[in-house]
Amino acid sequence: MDIQVVQEIDLRGLECPMPLLKTKLALNALGPGDVLKVAATDPASEKDFYLFANQSSNRIINFQREKEAYFYWIEKG
């Protein structure tokens, strides 16, 4: 999958609620259709990010859970 990423943020080491708050701030600076790639280590981020996407116009277009981190590609709605 070839995804055009506009911005990447590394939130590894941060605990809830900081990954979601920093992701929201980064998305606010992007335009509709732009993609933000997020790296996080907080296990709660998976639930938090999907809830956020379901309650907003943003959507998670790709997700990878790896040994060292969770990776999200979020398209701004």
Protein backbone atom coordinates (compact mmCIF):
# COMPACT_ATOMS: atom_id res chain seq x y z
CA MET A 1 0.00 0.00 0.00
CA ASP A 2 1.49 3.32 -1.09
CA ILE A 3 0.19 6.04 1.21
CA GLN A 4 1.20 9.67 0.73
CA VAL A 5 2.05 10.87 4.23
CA VAL A 6 2.02 14.64 4.81
CA GLN A 7 3.33 14.53 8.39
CA GLU A 8 4.73 11.96 10.82
CA ILE A 9 4.77 12.21 14.61
CA ASP A 10 6.60 9.94 17.02
CA LEU A 11 4.71 9.61 20.29
CA ARG A 12 6.55 6.58 21.63
CA GLY A 13 6.99 6.70 25.40
CA LEU A 14 3.94 8.90 26.01
CA GLU A 15 1.02 7.57 28.03
CA CYS A 16 -2.71 8.22 27.80
CA PRO A 17 -4.07 10.78 27.10
CA MET A 18 -1.03 12.44 25.47
CA PRO A 19 -0.84 10.35 22.24
CA LEU A 20 -4.43 11.19 21.33
CA LEU A 21 -4.12 14.85 22.32
CA LYS A 22 -0.94 15.34 20.29
CA THR A 23 -2.51 13.52 17.35
CA LYS A 24 -5.55 15.82 17.45
CA LEU A 25 -3.28 18.88 17.47
CA ALA A 26 -1.30 17.57 14.50
CA LEU A 27 -4.50 16.80 12.55
CA ASN A 28 -5.81 20.31 13.21
CA ALA A 29 -2.86 21.71 11.26
CA LEU A 30 -3.53 19.50 8.21
CA GLY A 31 -5.97 19.92 5.36
CA PRO A 32 -8.80 17.55 4.40
CA GLY A 33 -7.47 14.37 2.82
CA ASP A 34 -3.97 14.80 4.27
CA VAL A 35 -2.50 11.75 5.99
CA LEU A 36 -0.77 11.77 9.36
CA LYS A 37 1.41 8.83 10.36
CA VAL A 38 1.62 8.24 14.11
CA ALA A 39 3.94 5.95 16.08
CA ALA A 40 2.88 5.18 19.66
CA THR A 41 3.75 2.68 22.37
CA ASP A 42 0.77 3.17 24.68
CA PRO A 43 -1.43 0.04 24.40
CA ALA A 44 -4.51 2.19 25.11
CA SER A 45 -3.83 4.15 21.91
CA GLU A 46 -5.41 1.42 19.78
CA LYS A 47 -8.79 1.73 21.48
CA ASP A 48 -8.50 5.52 21.82
CA PHE A 49 -7.58 6.15 18.18
CA TYR A 50 -10.36 3.96 16.79
CA LEU A 51 -12.95 5.59 19.07
CA PHE A 52 -11.70 9.02 18.01
CA ALA A 53 -11.91 8.08 14.32
CA ASN A 54 -15.46 6.74 14.75
CA GLN A 55 -16.56 9.94 16.48
CA SER A 56 -14.94 12.36 14.03
CA SER A 57 -14.66 12.85 10.28
CA ASN A 58 -11.12 11.42 10.35
CA ARG A 59 -10.42 7.81 9.47
CA ILE A 60 -7.67 5.30 10.09
CA ILE A 61 -6.65 4.07 6.65
CA ASN A 62 -3.92 1.72 7.86
CA PHE A 63 -2.78 0.24 11.16
CA GLN A 64 0.22 -1.90 12.07
CA ARG A 65 0.94 -3.43 15.45
CA GLU A 66 4.60 -4.29 15.75
CA LYS A 67 6.67 -5.56 18.63
CA GLU A 68 8.00 -2.12 19.57
CA ALA A 69 5.11 0.17 18.62
CA TYR A 70 1.70 0.79 17.08
CA PHE A 71 1.57 2.66 13.78
CA TYR A 72 -1.45 4.55 12.49
CA TRP A 73 -2.10 6.28 9.19
CA ILE A 74 -4.91 8.74 9.79
CA GLU A 75 -6.63 10.62 6.99
CA LYS A 76 -8.06 13.98 8.00
CA GLY A 77 -11.74 14.31 7.17
